[in-house]
Amino acid sequence: MKVYKSERPDIDFSPPIDFLTFLFDSDWCAAKEDTQIHVEATNAENYITKAEAREAVKRIAYTFRHDFSIGASAPGQDVILATSSGNPFIPILFYASIAAGGIFSGASTAFTVAELTRQVKDADAKILLCTAEFRDRTVEAAKQCDIPLDRVLVIDSSTPKDWRLVSEKTKRNVLNLASGPKLEWLRFKEHKEMHDITGCLLYSSGTTGLPKGVRLSHLNLIASSPVCMSVGDSFIAQRKREGKPFVFTTIAHLPIAHIAGVAWYCLNPFYLGGTTYWMEKYDFDEFIAHHRTYRPTVQMSVPPIWLQIAKSPKVTDHFDNLTVACTGAAPMGLELATEVSKKLGKGQTRMSQFWGATEATGSMTGLDWNEYDKTFSTGGIFPSVRLRFVDDNDRDVEEGQPGEVLVDGPIVCQGYHNRPDATRDSFLDGFYRTGDIGVYKNGLVYIVDRKKELIKYKGLQVAPAELEATLISHPRINDAAVIGVQDDSQATEVPRAYVVKQPGEEVTEQEVKDFVREHLASHKQLRGGVCFIQEIPKSPSGKILRKEIRLWVQEKPKAKL
């Protein structure tokens, strides 16, 4: 077995520690008691410090445990599911869910009622949280899942120092953040607890199929920051030597249901000791305005947003204070990285690229912030992470040759929620199958192709199987296949459908698009078009041969007729 590891030493996660003690009460994290951890971007007076957050977490945890029995039977069993816009209260609810002994799960704000209902049922959620704009669909999902309305709690963070959770049934606030009783979270005494107790449930399509719940343990959540932020160690040390200490500040604009929203906005402010400014939702003009107002030092985003920054004449001095710029969730080319860097840090800040997955609690490789890679790879392997590169027969390939990348380490998830078959199929000898084809060369990792079916639209996951199931439910569609095609104008993949009509029936491209729009979230729309064909290529076992369809795209960009 050929295993590759980081040149940096492994990180020792001893003695055993729980996730919340790691954040609030350990030497691991740089945040001070008076650090404003989370701030509303449109109202900087609406903030919470680390010290205030600790007390709020304990009081909310008490309510979750004593009023809703979260964690009463055992830790890491009861799911609290949130559909929330960005605000400084949502990360506190994330911590409090875990403090009560529960599991936090984020749902996409773009979900239809049907999509939200499916996740609520799959997670067997005990409490549904939502911000006001998602109240109606959350209530409808609760009714379809037989969840009492007193377990639907509406998040209200509009009043500084008086954040509320309002019961949908009684219309009353269930919290007393000022002087309510507190629950002390469980402190771990054994490493087994770190490994075995789940703290977070995020949904991913893995390598194939419909979205599945990824179970992230306390160890996964703890390891994420020290492992992934190791790329900043030399940069931060150099700044200190130069008398220009690094201070972490960033603008939160990616969803809390995404691993980037959890890792960059909920974990890293504690670990790196700084502030997250929360946008309610992403808007380009507001995003760049917040950069001019707060002058953050760090920004992680996805290629389509970096493309907007590179191309927009509106961007002038907005990113002059940015010292660290990271991209992830989908590949970025060297050309775009070079172009966008001209607008960052007065032209002195270079892009850094990460590669990761929800199943790896974020990233597995990344470019060091103090180094410049002219090839713009996805960087070196993180400490404590092990990678393998295998062929279609699971045999190790030679160094420098392409193979599916397998990963092991403390950041690799426990498996899929209630999906033992999917968990079994996604692991090989303890290594998670990423579904990405990569090359290891000169100590750097290059992702060159995708074996998995998953489509990444602006960093959001689109499962072809979900789109296909929706398409074939149309009465005039006999069969369908969906692949991702690259849209260079948006620097992202977009879904394209190949459709077989029912014999003797007619259906137009617009009708197909409208049908999908009625049933699925906005990021799952058929922006790559609809192609009508006579037959979907399939294997003898009935599996769609997507490689053949991708060859059609190379031969004829729009269709294979």
Protein backbone atom coordinates (compact mmCIF):
# COMPACT_ATOMS: atom_id res chain seq x y z
CA MET A 1 0.00 0.00 0.00
CA LYS A 2 1.50 3.33 -1.11
CA VAL A 3 0.53 6.06 1.38
CA TYR A 4 1.51 9.73 1.14
CA LYS A 5 1.67 12.06 4.12
CA SER A 6 2.55 15.64 4.98
CA GLU A 7 6.10 16.83 5.45
CA ARG A 8 4.82 18.51 8.63
CA PRO A 9 4.65 16.42 11.83
CA ASP A 10 1.35 14.87 12.85
CA ILE A 11 -0.79 16.74 15.36
CA ASP A 12 -1.34 15.08 18.75
CA PHE A 13 -4.95 15.45 19.88
CA SER A 14 -4.26 14.43 23.48
CA PRO A 15 -5.53 14.46 26.15
CA PRO A 16 -9.16 13.70 25.20
CA ILE A 17 -11.28 16.81 24.88
CA ASP A 18 -14.79 17.67 23.73
CA PHE A 19 -15.47 20.17 20.96
CA LEU A 20 -16.86 22.96 23.16
CA THR A 21 -14.04 22.78 25.70
CA PHE A 22 -11.69 22.97 22.71
CA LEU A 23 -13.37 26.21 21.56
CA PHE A 24 -14.03 27.97 24.85
CA ASP A 25 -11.59 26.67 27.46
CA SER A 26 -8.43 25.30 25.86
CA ASP A 27 -5.02 26.61 24.83
CA TRP A 28 -5.68 25.43 21.30
CA CYS A 29 -7.70 28.53 20.44
CA ALA A 30 -6.41 32.09 20.25
CA ALA A 31 -9.67 33.99 20.84
CA LYS A 32 -9.68 36.10 24.01
CA GLU A 33 -12.65 36.48 26.34
CA ASP A 34 -13.50 39.93 24.95
CA THR A 35 -13.02 38.97 21.29
CA GLN A 36 -16.12 39.80 19.28
CA ILE A 37 -16.52 36.35 17.76
CA HIS A 38 -19.71 36.92 15.74
CA VAL A 39 -21.05 40.24 14.44
CA GLU A 40 -23.94 41.21 12.18
CA ALA A 41 -22.42 42.81 9.09
CA THR A 42 -25.19 45.37 8.62
CA ASN A 43 -25.20 46.38 12.31
CA ALA A 44 -21.85 46.07 14.08
CA GLU A 45 -23.54 46.82 17.42
CA ASN A 46 -25.22 43.42 17.17
CA TYR A 47 -22.38 41.19 18.32
CA ILE A 48 -21.39 38.58 20.87
CA THR A 49 -18.02 38.10 22.55
CA LYS A 50 -16.42 34.79 23.40
CA ALA A 51 -17.29 35.23 27.09
CA GLU A 52 -20.89 36.12 26.28
CA ALA A 53 -21.13 33.23 23.84
CA ARG A 54 -20.05 30.71 26.50
CA GLU A 55 -22.84 31.82 28.84
CA ALA A 56 -25.44 31.96 26.07
CA VAL A 57 -24.52 28.45 24.89
CA LYS A 58 -25.04 27.04 28.38
CA ARG A 59 -28.42 28.73 28.80
CA ILE A 60 -29.69 27.66 25.38
CA ALA A 61 -28.40 24.12 26.04
CA TYR A 62 -30.42 24.05 29.26
CA THR A 63 -33.57 24.93 27.31
CA PHE A 64 -32.87 22.31 24.65
CA ARG A 65 -32.29 19.63 27.29
CA HIS A 66 -35.03 20.44 29.85
CA ASP A 67 -37.79 21.69 27.54
CA PHE A 68 -37.16 19.45 24.53
CA SER A 69 -35.19 16.47 25.98
CA ILE A 70 -32.27 16.92 23.58
CA GLY A 71 -29.44 14.66 24.73
CA ALA A 72 -31.48 13.28 27.63
CA SER A 73 -31.02 9.63 26.68
CA ALA A 74 -27.47 9.80 25.30
CA PRO A 75 -25.18 12.36 23.66
CA GLY A 76 -24.92 12.51 19.88
CA GLN A 77 -28.37 11.11 19.09
CA ASP A 78 -30.95 13.91 18.80
CA VAL A 79 -30.84 16.18 15.74
CA ILE A 80 -31.64 19.91 15.76
CA LEU A 81 -32.14 21.05 12.18
CA ALA A 82 -31.80 24.70 11.14
CA THR A 83 -32.86 26.53 7.99
CA SER A 84 -31.28 29.89 8.56
CA SER A 85 -29.99 32.94 6.80
CA GLY A 86 -26.65 34.30 7.96
CA ASN A 87 -26.71 35.98 11.37
CA PRO A 88 -24.52 36.02 14.51
CA PHE A 89 -27.05 33.90 16.44
CA ILE A 90 -26.90 30.80 14.21
CA PRO A 91 -23.34 29.74 15.23
CA ILE A 92 -24.36 30.09 18.90
CA LEU A 93 -27.27 27.74 18.23
CA PHE A 94 -24.82 25.37 16.54
CA TYR A 95 -22.63 25.28 19.67
CA ALA A 96 -25.66 25.04 21.97
CA SER A 97 -27.08 22.07 20.08
CA ILE A 98 -23.86 20.18 20.77
CA ALA A 99 -23.70 21.45 24.37
CA ALA A 100 -27.14 19.96 25.03
CA GLY A 101 -25.85 16.60 23.82
CA GLY A 102 -27.51 16.95 20.43
CA ILE A 103 -26.42 17.06 16.80
CA PHE A 104 -26.60 20.22 14.70
CA SER A 105 -27.76 19.89 11.09
CA GLY A 106 -28.04 22.70 8.56
CA ALA A 107 -30.55 22.66 5.69
CA SER A 108 -30.18 24.64 2.47
CA THR A 109 -32.13 27.89 2.43
CA ALA A 110 -32.90 27.18 -1.23
CA PHE A 111 -34.81 23.98 -0.41
CA THR A 112 -38.39 23.49 -1.47
CA VAL A 113 -40.81 22.06 1.10
CA ALA A 114 -40.34 18.59 -0.43
CA GLU A 115 -36.53 18.80 -0.17
CA LEU A 116 -36.66 20.10 3.39
CA THR A 117 -39.16 17.41 4.37
CA ARG A 118 -36.87 14.71 3.03
CA GLN A 119 -33.94 15.95 5.14
CA VAL A 120 -36.09 16.35 8.26
CA LYS A 121 -37.32 12.77 7.90
CA ASP A 122 -33.91 11.35 7.09
CA ALA A 123 -32.30 13.09 10.06
CA ASP A 124 -35.27 12.31 12.34
CA ALA A 125 -34.99 15.88 13.60
CA LYS A 126 -36.40 16.65 17.06
CA ILE A 127 -36.39 20.45 16.77
CA LEU A 128 -36.68 22.65 13.68
CA LEU A 129 -35.03 26.08 13.80
CA CYS A 130 -35.57 28.72 11.13
CA THR A 131 -35.28 32.42 10.49
CA ALA A 132 -38.52 34.27 9.74
CA GLU A 133 -38.27 34.15 5.95
CA PHE A 134 -38.25 30.33 6.03
CA ARG A 135 -41.03 29.97 8.59
CA ASP A 136 -43.78 28.92 6.18
CA ARG A 137 -41.85 26.11 4.52
CA THR A 138 -40.48 24.93 7.89
CA VAL A 139 -43.98 24.79 9.36
CA GLU A 140 -45.23 22.86 6.33
CA ALA A 141 -42.32 20.41 6.59
CA ALA A 142 -43.06 19.97 10.31
CA LYS A 143 -46.68 19.12 9.54
CA GLN A 144 -45.67 16.59 6.89
CA CYS A 145 -43.25 15.00 9.37
CA ASP A 146 -45.71 15.04 12.31
CA ILE A 147 -43.47 17.35 14.34
CA PRO A 148 -45.47 19.41 16.88
CA LEU A 149 -45.39 23.16 16.27
CA ASP A 150 -43.99 23.79 19.74
CA ARG A 151 -40.82 22.19 18.34
CA VAL A 152 -40.60 24.75 15.53
CA LEU A 153 -38.58 27.69 16.85
CA VAL A 154 -38.15 30.91 14.88
CA ILE A 155 -34.74 32.60 15.23
CA ASP A 156 -34.87 36.33 16.03
CA SER A 157 -31.45 38.01 16.28
CA SER A 158 -32.66 41.50 15.38
CA THR A 159 -32.19 43.07 18.84
CA PRO A 160 -28.63 43.22 20.20
CA LYS A 161 -28.21 41.36 23.52
CA ASP A 162 -31.80 40.13 23.30
CA TRP A 163 -31.74 37.24 20.85
CA ARG A 164 -34.80 35.02 20.90
CA LEU A 165 -36.19 31.64 19.87
CA VAL A 166 -39.93 32.06 19.38
CA SER A 167 -42.20 29.02 19.61
CA GLU A 168 -44.39 28.67 16.55
CA LYS A 169 -47.16 27.32 18.77
CA THR A 170 -47.20 29.80 21.64
CA LYS A 171 -45.51 32.77 19.86
CA ARG A 172 -43.41 33.21 23.00
CA ASN A 173 -39.66 33.35 23.47
CA VAL A 174 -38.41 30.08 25.01
CA LEU A 175 -35.05 31.53 26.11
CA ASN A 176 -33.76 33.65 28.96
CA LEU A 177 -30.26 34.58 27.85
CA ALA A 178 -29.87 37.19 30.56
CA SER A 179 -30.36 35.12 33.70
CA GLY A 180 -31.77 31.70 32.83
CA PRO A 181 -30.43 28.44 34.26
CA LYS A 182 -27.36 26.91 32.64
CA LEU A 183 -26.37 23.40 31.55
CA GLU A 184 -22.73 22.39 31.71
CA TRP A 185 -21.76 20.39 28.66
CA LEU A 186 -20.26 16.90 28.88
CA ARG A 187 -16.47 16.83 29.30
CA PHE A 188 -14.75 13.83 27.75
CA LYS A 189 -12.45 11.52 29.65
CA GLU A 190 -11.64 9.04 26.87
CA HIS A 191 -10.50 9.33 23.27
CA LYS A 192 -13.28 6.92 22.33
CA GLU A 193 -15.85 9.61 23.15
CA MET A 194 -14.12 12.02 20.74
CA HIS A 195 -14.35 9.43 17.98
CA ASP A 196 -17.79 7.99 18.68
CA ILE A 197 -20.03 10.93 19.62
CA THR A 198 -21.50 12.84 16.68
CA GLY A 199 -21.76 16.63 16.87
CA CYS A 200 -22.76 17.69 13.38
CA LEU A 201 -24.79 16.23 10.51
CA LEU A 202 -24.23 17.88 7.12
CA TYR A 203 -25.74 16.60 3.91
CA SER A 204 -23.62 15.60 0.94
CA SER A 205 -24.09 13.38 -2.08
CA GLY A 206 -20.76 11.73 -1.47
CA THR A 207 -19.56 10.16 -4.69
CA THR A 208 -23.00 9.14 -6.01
CA GLY A 209 -26.71 9.20 -5.35
CA LEU A 210 -29.09 11.37 -3.37
CA PRO A 211 -27.87 13.60 -0.50
CA LYS A 212 -26.81 11.66 2.59
CA GLY A 213 -26.14 12.84 6.12
CA VAL A 214 -22.42 13.01 6.89
CA ARG A 215 -21.80 12.32 10.58
CA LEU A 216 -19.00 14.47 11.97
CA SER A 217 -17.62 13.55 15.38
CA HIS A 218 -16.21 15.81 18.08
CA LEU A 219 -12.74 14.76 16.92
CA ASN A 220 -13.57 15.71 13.33
CA LEU A 221 -14.74 19.18 14.42
CA ILE A 222 -11.76 19.66 16.74
CA ALA A 223 -9.19 18.52 14.17
CA SER A 224 -10.56 20.66 11.36
CA SER A 225 -8.93 23.94 12.39
CA PRO A 226 -5.45 22.74 13.54
CA VAL A 227 -5.16 20.43 10.54
CA CYS A 228 -6.51 22.72 7.82
CA MET A 229 -5.16 26.00 9.19
CA SER A 230 -1.64 24.57 9.42
CA VAL A 231 -1.11 26.26 6.04
CA GLY A 232 -1.09 29.56 7.91
CA ASP A 233 1.44 28.65 10.61
CA SER A 234 4.57 30.02 8.90
CA PHE A 235 2.69 33.08 7.62
CA ILE A 236 1.37 33.95 11.08
CA ALA A 237 4.80 33.38 12.66
CA GLN A 238 6.46 35.63 10.09
CA ARG A 239 3.94 38.41 10.67
CA LYS A 240 4.66 38.21 14.40
CA ARG A 241 8.42 38.47 13.78
CA GLU A 242 7.85 41.52 11.59
CA GLY A 243 5.83 43.25 14.31
CA LYS A 244 2.61 43.01 12.31
CA PRO A 245 0.61 40.40 14.26
CA PHE A 246 -2.00 38.58 12.22
CA VAL A 247 -5.63 39.12 13.24
CA PHE A 248 -8.34 36.94 11.72
CA THR A 249 -11.39 38.78 10.36
CA THR A 250 -13.67 37.55 7.59
CA ILE A 251 -17.05 38.11 5.92
CA ALA A 252 -19.48 35.16 6.22
CA HIS A 253 -21.38 34.80 2.96
CA LEU A 254 -21.49 31.02 2.37
CA PRO A 255 -24.35 28.97 3.91
CA ILE A 256 -24.21 27.39 7.36
CA ALA A 257 -25.46 24.15 5.75
CA HIS A 258 -22.15 23.98 3.85
CA ILE A 259 -18.96 22.65 5.44
CA ALA A 260 -17.21 25.92 4.54
CA GLY A 261 -19.82 27.83 6.56
CA VAL A 262 -19.15 25.61 9.57
CA ALA A 263 -15.34 25.48 9.35
CA TRP A 264 -14.52 29.03 8.29
CA TYR A 265 -17.20 30.93 10.21
CA CYS A 266 -17.97 28.82 13.30
CA LEU A 267 -14.61 27.18 14.09
CA ASN A 268 -11.79 29.38 12.77
CA PRO A 269 -12.75 32.60 14.63
CA PHE A 270 -12.04 30.75 17.89
CA TYR A 271 -8.94 28.97 16.64
CA LEU A 272 -7.34 31.96 14.93
CA GLY A 273 -8.75 34.47 17.39
CA GLY A 274 -10.87 36.90 15.42
CA THR A 275 -14.23 38.02 14.12
CA THR A 276 -16.78 36.75 11.62
CA TYR A 277 -19.06 39.42 10.13
CA TRP A 278 -22.29 37.72 9.05
CA MET A 279 -24.15 38.65 5.88
CA GLU A 280 -27.83 37.68 5.82
CA LYS A 281 -27.41 36.38 2.27
CA TYR A 282 -24.87 36.81 -0.47
CA ASP A 283 -25.21 39.92 -2.58
CA PHE A 284 -22.17 41.05 -4.57
CA ASP A 285 -22.59 44.78 -3.99
CA GLU A 286 -23.14 44.29 -0.26
CA PHE A 287 -20.24 41.84 -0.09
CA ILE A 288 -17.71 44.27 -1.51
CA ALA A 289 -19.20 47.12 0.56
CA HIS A 290 -18.66 45.11 3.75
CA HIS A 291 -15.05 44.53 2.68
CA ARG A 292 -14.56 48.27 2.37
CA THR A 293 -16.21 48.86 5.77
CA TYR A 294 -14.53 46.16 7.87
CA ARG A 295 -11.33 45.60 5.89
CA PRO A 296 -11.14 41.86 6.73
CA THR A 297 -7.77 40.13 6.54
CA VAL A 298 -8.96 36.71 5.36
CA GLN A 299 -11.51 35.64 2.78
CA MET A 300 -12.39 32.15 1.69
CA SER A 301 -14.83 31.91 -1.19
CA VAL A 302 -15.69 29.91 -4.32
CA PRO A 303 -14.49 30.45 -7.91
CA PRO A 304 -17.67 32.16 -9.24
CA ILE A 305 -17.40 34.87 -6.57
CA TRP A 306 -13.69 35.37 -7.20
CA LEU A 307 -14.57 35.65 -10.90
CA GLN A 308 -17.04 38.44 -10.08
CA ILE A 309 -14.33 40.25 -8.16
CA ALA A 310 -11.84 39.86 -11.01
CA LYS A 311 -14.25 41.07 -13.70
CA SER A 312 -16.25 43.77 -11.95
CA PRO A 313 -15.25 47.41 -12.52
CA LYS A 314 -16.96 48.17 -9.19
CA VAL A 315 -14.05 46.61 -7.32
CA THR A 316 -11.34 49.19 -6.67
CA ASP A 317 -9.78 49.40 -3.20
CA HIS A 318 -12.32 47.10 -1.51
CA PHE A 319 -9.87 44.24 -0.92
CA ASP A 320 -6.72 46.25 -0.19
CA ASN A 321 -6.45 44.94 3.39
CA LEU A 322 -6.87 41.30 2.42
CA THR A 323 -3.72 39.36 3.30
CA VAL A 324 -5.09 35.83 2.82
CA ALA A 325 -7.38 34.81 -0.05
CA CYS A 326 -8.50 31.19 -0.36
CA THR A 327 -10.60 29.35 -2.89
CA GLY A 328 -12.23 25.95 -2.60
CA ALA A 329 -15.34 23.81 -3.20
CA ALA A 330 -14.54 23.63 -6.92
CA PRO A 331 -11.38 23.88 -9.05
CA MET A 332 -9.94 27.26 -10.03
CA GLY A 333 -7.53 27.74 -12.92
CA LEU A 334 -4.21 29.59 -12.77
CA GLU A 335 -5.45 32.25 -15.19
CA LEU A 336 -8.35 33.30 -12.97
CA ALA A 337 -6.18 33.10 -9.84
CA THR A 338 -3.65 35.45 -11.45
CA GLU A 339 -6.34 37.86 -12.62
CA VAL A 340 -8.17 38.12 -9.30
CA SER A 341 -4.92 38.54 -7.35
CA LYS A 342 -4.44 41.92 -9.06
CA LYS A 343 -7.36 43.24 -7.01
CA LEU A 344 -6.31 41.80 -3.66
CA GLY A 345 -4.01 43.46 -1.14
CA LYS A 346 -3.00 46.15 -3.64
CA GLY A 347 -1.86 43.40 -5.98
CA GLN A 348 0.36 41.76 -3.36
CA THR A 349 -2.01 39.02 -2.10
CA ARG A 350 -1.88 35.76 -4.01
CA MET A 351 -4.69 33.24 -4.16
CA SER A 352 -4.39 30.03 -2.13
CA GLN A 353 -6.32 26.93 -3.15
CA PHE A 354 -7.80 24.21 -0.94
CA TRP A 355 -9.20 20.81 -1.86
CA GLY A 356 -11.60 18.99 0.40
CA ALA A 357 -15.01 17.48 1.04
CA THR A 358 -17.79 17.50 3.59
CA GLU A 359 -16.71 13.97 4.49
CA ALA A 360 -13.28 15.38 5.43
CA THR A 361 -14.69 18.16 7.64
CA GLY A 362 -13.37 20.69 5.18
CA SER A 363 -10.03 20.36 3.43
CA MET A 364 -7.38 17.71 2.93
CA THR A 365 -4.75 19.70 1.03
CA GLY A 366 -3.94 23.37 0.62
CA LEU A 367 -1.35 25.89 -0.47
CA ASP A 368 0.79 27.39 2.27
CA TRP A 369 -0.08 31.07 2.77
CA ASN A 370 3.60 31.95 2.72
CA GLU A 371 4.40 30.22 -0.55
CA TYR A 372 3.65 30.85 -4.21
CA ASP A 373 2.94 27.91 -6.48
CA LYS A 374 3.20 28.89 -10.15
CA THR A 375 1.30 25.74 -11.15
CA PHE A 376 -1.59 26.64 -8.78
CA SER A 377 -2.00 23.11 -7.45
CA THR A 378 -4.34 22.27 -4.58
CA GLY A 379 -1.28 22.34 -2.34
CA GLY A 380 0.44 19.91 -0.04
CA ILE A 381 -1.05 17.26 2.22
CA PHE A 382 -2.13 18.51 5.64
CA PRO A 383 -0.52 17.09 8.80
CA SER A 384 -2.17 13.96 10.22
CA VAL A 385 -3.73 13.31 6.79
CA ARG A 386 -2.90 10.25 4.67
CA LEU A 387 -3.63 9.96 0.95
CA ARG A 388 -3.64 7.08 -1.51
CA PHE A 389 -4.03 7.19 -5.31
CA VAL A 390 -5.62 4.08 -6.83
CA ASP A 391 -6.78 2.83 -10.23
CA ASP A 392 -10.20 1.37 -11.12
CA ASN A 393 -9.14 -1.92 -9.53
CA ASP A 394 -8.10 -0.21 -6.26
CA ARG A 395 -4.42 -0.81 -6.97
CA ASP A 396 -1.93 1.93 -6.09
CA VAL A 397 -0.71 3.93 -9.08
CA GLU A 398 2.84 5.15 -9.50
CA GLU A 399 3.72 8.59 -8.19
CA GLY A 400 2.90 11.20 -10.84
CA GLN A 401 0.15 9.04 -12.38
CA PRO A 402 -3.56 9.86 -12.02
CA GLY A 403 -5.70 7.85 -9.62
CA GLU A 404 -8.73 8.21 -7.41
CA VAL A 405 -7.68 9.94 -4.21
CA LEU A 406 -8.41 8.13 -0.94
CA VAL A 407 -8.01 9.89 2.41
CA ASP A 408 -7.60 8.90 6.06
CA GLY A 409 -7.03 10.96 9.20
CA PRO A 410 -8.77 12.62 12.15
CA ILE A 411 -10.80 14.86 9.83
CA VAL A 412 -12.46 11.92 8.01
CA CYS A 413 -16.12 11.51 8.98
CA GLN A 414 -17.69 8.65 10.92
CA GLY A 415 -19.77 7.64 7.89
CA TYR A 416 -23.24 8.29 6.51
CA HIS A 417 -26.31 8.63 8.72
CA ASN A 418 -28.46 5.48 8.56
CA ARG A 419 -26.67 4.40 5.37
CA PRO A 420 -24.49 1.40 6.25
CA ASP A 421 -24.27 0.29 2.62
CA ALA A 422 -23.19 3.74 1.43
CA THR A 423 -20.67 3.94 4.26
CA ARG A 424 -19.26 0.53 3.38
CA ASP A 425 -19.00 1.36 -0.33
CA SER A 426 -17.33 4.73 0.36
CA PHE A 427 -14.42 3.35 2.36
CA LEU A 428 -11.51 1.09 1.45
CA ASP A 429 -9.32 -0.23 4.27
CA GLY A 430 -10.30 2.78 6.40
CA PHE A 431 -9.65 5.31 3.63
CA TYR A 432 -12.54 7.44 2.31
CA ARG A 433 -13.02 7.35 -1.45
CA THR A 434 -13.19 11.01 -2.50
CA GLY A 435 -14.30 10.28 -6.05
CA ASP A 436 -11.78 12.84 -7.33
CA ILE A 437 -8.97 11.88 -9.68
CA GLY A 438 -5.68 13.37 -8.60
CA VAL A 439 -1.94 13.32 -9.22
CA TYR A 440 0.77 13.58 -6.56
CA LYS A 441 3.89 15.27 -7.88
CA ASN A 442 6.77 17.10 -6.19
CA GLY A 443 4.96 17.12 -2.86
CA LEU A 444 1.83 18.74 -4.31
CA VAL A 445 -1.61 17.40 -5.17
CA TYR A 446 -3.36 18.18 -8.46
CA ILE A 447 -7.03 17.35 -8.96
CA VAL A 448 -7.40 16.57 -12.65
CA ASP A 449 -10.83 14.97 -13.03
CA ARG A 450 -13.87 13.76 -11.17
CA LYS A 451 -14.81 10.13 -10.89
CA LYS A 452 -17.83 10.84 -8.78
CA GLU A 453 -21.11 11.95 -10.31
CA LEU A 454 -21.53 14.98 -8.07
CA ILE A 455 -21.91 18.36 -9.80
CA LYS A 456 -20.52 21.46 -8.08
CA TYR A 457 -22.53 24.59 -8.97
CA LYS A 458 -20.87 27.62 -7.36
CA GLY A 459 -19.60 25.38 -4.59
CA LEU A 460 -23.03 23.86 -3.90
CA GLN A 461 -23.62 20.16 -4.46
CA VAL A 462 -26.03 18.94 -7.11
CA ALA A 463 -26.73 15.21 -7.22
CA PRO A 464 -27.49 13.98 -10.77
CA ALA A 465 -29.62 11.16 -9.33
CA GLU A 466 -31.95 13.69 -7.69
CA LEU A 467 -32.42 15.63 -10.91
CA GLU A 468 -32.92 12.43 -12.87
CA ALA A 469 -35.57 11.19 -10.44
CA THR A 470 -37.39 14.49 -10.82
CA LEU A 471 -37.16 14.45 -14.62
CA ILE A 472 -38.51 10.93 -15.08
CA SER A 473 -41.49 11.82 -12.89
CA HIS A 474 -42.61 14.08 -15.75
CA PRO A 475 -45.43 12.30 -17.61
CA ARG A 476 -43.89 12.90 -21.05
CA ILE A 477 -40.31 11.93 -20.19
CA ASN A 478 -39.29 8.29 -20.53
CA ASP A 479 -35.69 8.46 -19.29
CA ALA A 480 -33.05 11.02 -18.35
CA ALA A 481 -29.40 11.47 -17.45
CA VAL A 482 -27.72 14.53 -15.97
CA ILE A 483 -24.06 15.57 -16.03
CA GLY A 484 -22.14 18.70 -15.14
CA VAL A 485 -20.67 20.85 -17.89
CA GLN A 486 -18.25 23.71 -17.37
CA ASP A 487 -19.54 27.25 -17.87
CA ASP A 488 -16.43 29.40 -18.17
CA SER A 489 -18.43 32.63 -18.04
CA GLN A 490 -19.46 31.78 -14.46
CA ALA A 491 -16.36 29.75 -13.51
CA THR A 492 -18.54 26.85 -12.40
CA GLU A 493 -20.14 23.61 -13.44
CA VAL A 494 -23.81 23.68 -14.41
CA PRO A 495 -26.25 20.75 -14.76
CA ARG A 496 -27.23 19.59 -18.23
CA ALA A 497 -30.01 17.05 -18.86
CA TYR A 498 -30.14 14.43 -21.60
CA VAL A 499 -33.76 13.46 -22.02
CA VAL A 500 -35.63 10.65 -23.78
CA LYS A 501 -39.25 11.55 -24.56
CA GLN A 502 -42.13 9.16 -24.07
CA PRO A 503 -43.01 7.54 -27.45
CA GLY A 504 -45.37 9.75 -29.41
CA GLU A 505 -45.12 12.61 -26.93
CA GLU A 506 -43.72 16.11 -27.35
CA VAL A 507 -42.00 18.22 -24.73
CA THR A 508 -39.86 21.32 -25.16
CA GLU A 509 -36.63 22.34 -23.47
CA GLN A 510 -38.42 25.20 -21.71
CA GLU A 511 -41.11 22.85 -20.40
CA VAL A 512 -38.44 20.59 -18.94
CA LYS A 513 -36.66 23.53 -17.31
CA ASP A 514 -39.90 24.88 -15.90
CA PHE A 515 -40.76 21.45 -14.46
CA VAL A 516 -37.43 21.28 -12.64
CA ARG A 517 -37.87 24.86 -11.42
CA GLU A 518 -41.19 23.92 -9.83
CA HIS A 519 -39.72 20.99 -7.92
CA LEU A 520 -36.09 21.76 -7.00
CA ALA A 521 -33.96 24.49 -5.46
CA SER A 522 -32.43 27.25 -7.54
CA HIS A 523 -28.89 25.82 -7.60
CA LYS A 524 -30.22 22.58 -9.15
CA GLN A 525 -31.65 24.21 -12.28
CA LEU A 526 -30.69 23.05 -15.77
CA ARG A 527 -28.43 25.98 -16.62
CA GLY A 528 -26.45 23.75 -18.97
CA GLY A 529 -29.51 23.13 -21.14
CA VAL A 530 -31.60 20.14 -22.19
CA CYS A 531 -30.62 17.75 -24.97
CA PHE A 532 -33.15 15.32 -26.43
CA ILE A 533 -31.74 11.92 -27.42
CA GLN A 534 -33.05 8.51 -28.43
CA GLU A 535 -31.53 6.43 -25.63
CA ILE A 536 -29.53 6.87 -22.42
CA PRO A 537 -26.29 4.85 -22.56
CA LYS A 538 -26.27 2.29 -19.75
CA SER A 539 -24.24 -0.66 -18.56
CA PRO A 540 -25.72 -4.20 -18.54
CA SER A 541 -26.62 -3.64 -14.90
CA GLY A 542 -28.55 -0.50 -15.80
CA LYS A 543 -26.08 2.11 -14.54
CA ILE A 544 -25.89 5.30 -16.58
CA LEU A 545 -22.60 5.52 -18.47
CA ARG A 546 -21.80 9.16 -17.78
CA LYS A 547 -18.31 8.85 -19.25
CA GLU A 548 -19.89 8.27 -22.66
CA ILE A 549 -22.11 11.31 -22.27
CA ARG A 550 -19.13 13.43 -21.27
CA LEU A 551 -17.42 12.35 -24.48
CA TRP A 552 -20.42 13.73 -26.37
CA VAL A 553 -19.81 17.09 -24.73
CA GLN A 554 -16.21 17.08 -25.96
CA GLU A 555 -17.33 16.17 -29.48
CA LYS A 556 -20.30 18.53 -29.66
CA PRO A 557 -20.61 21.20 -26.95
CA LYS A 558 -24.43 21.41 -26.79
CA ALA A 559 -25.95 18.10 -27.89
CA LYS A 560 -25.59 14.59 -29.20
CA LEU A 561 -28.45 14.08 -31.63
